[in-house]
Amino acid sequence: MTTRNAGRARPRGSQAPGLAALAALIADETRATCLLALLDGRAWTAGELARYAGVAASTLSEHLGKLVAGGLLAEERQGRHRYVRLADARVAQLIEDLAAQLPPDAEAERPRGLRESSAGSAMARGRTCYDHLAGRLGTTLTDALTAHGLLTSEVPPEQAGAGARFALTDAGLSWFEATGIVLDRKGRRPLARACLDWTERRPHLAGAAGSALCRHALDAGWCVRIGSERAVKITTAGERALSELLGIEAGALR
């Protein structure tokens, strides 16, 4: 007896082997933990990631080697330390998009204590997603930009069902300039991109505009990082600024 595919040649130019290899690279809990941690956009040492993942340094080193070889991580050495980070924004988008596909119940495991519960709540309120803002903070900012006509959201007819596409309006470009938020308009990265938020289940602003807004928010002290993960919280100065600039009520950002 022969199987249906016996003797069938693989289609020329097939991407199946590469896709399978990529999926296998991510399909390990320790490696997935490292990739999610690195969504904060910063470089971590191998030792920091080993402690975070709860594995031995030698074990973590082997995993990092596979992720670097697979093109998902970039590394650099400074003295005795080995630093790794996500290779680029495309990798960050891939990881965040995959996380957003998890059913809500998969993310809602009962916290093991008050500290873990507080950390989870902080991440849901506001966090960085690689280099842009996510969580309730990110979606609230996105909603305000849209309500003020600075950002548009549409689904192109040829991409029906593929999700929203963001674009800055002329007023939006002027707003960024007037606010002192410098946009990188020369790179290959899209100016505005919709990124599905895995806690809010709707899109927040990514792309060059999302990156610039996040960077400005941190530099201007509108929000600050808290804890050792990706969580950020709005400051009093941030509440005041966003109220004046976008009419956002302080309670919506907490």
Foldseek 3Di string as FASTA:
>chain_A
DDDPCPPPDDDPPDCVVVVVLVVVLCPDVLLLQVLQQLQLQDKDWLVVSCVSSVHDSVVSVVSVVSCVVNQQKDWDDDVPTIIIHGNDVVSLLVSLQVLLPDPPVVVPDPDPDPVRVVVVVLVQLWFHRNQFIAHLQQVLVQVLCVVVQQKDWDADPVRPPVGIFIDGDPVNVVLCVVVVQDFDPPDPKDRWGWRQHNNVRGTGTDIRVRNSVSVCCDVVVQWHDDDSGGGIAGDPVVQVVCCVSRVDHPVSND
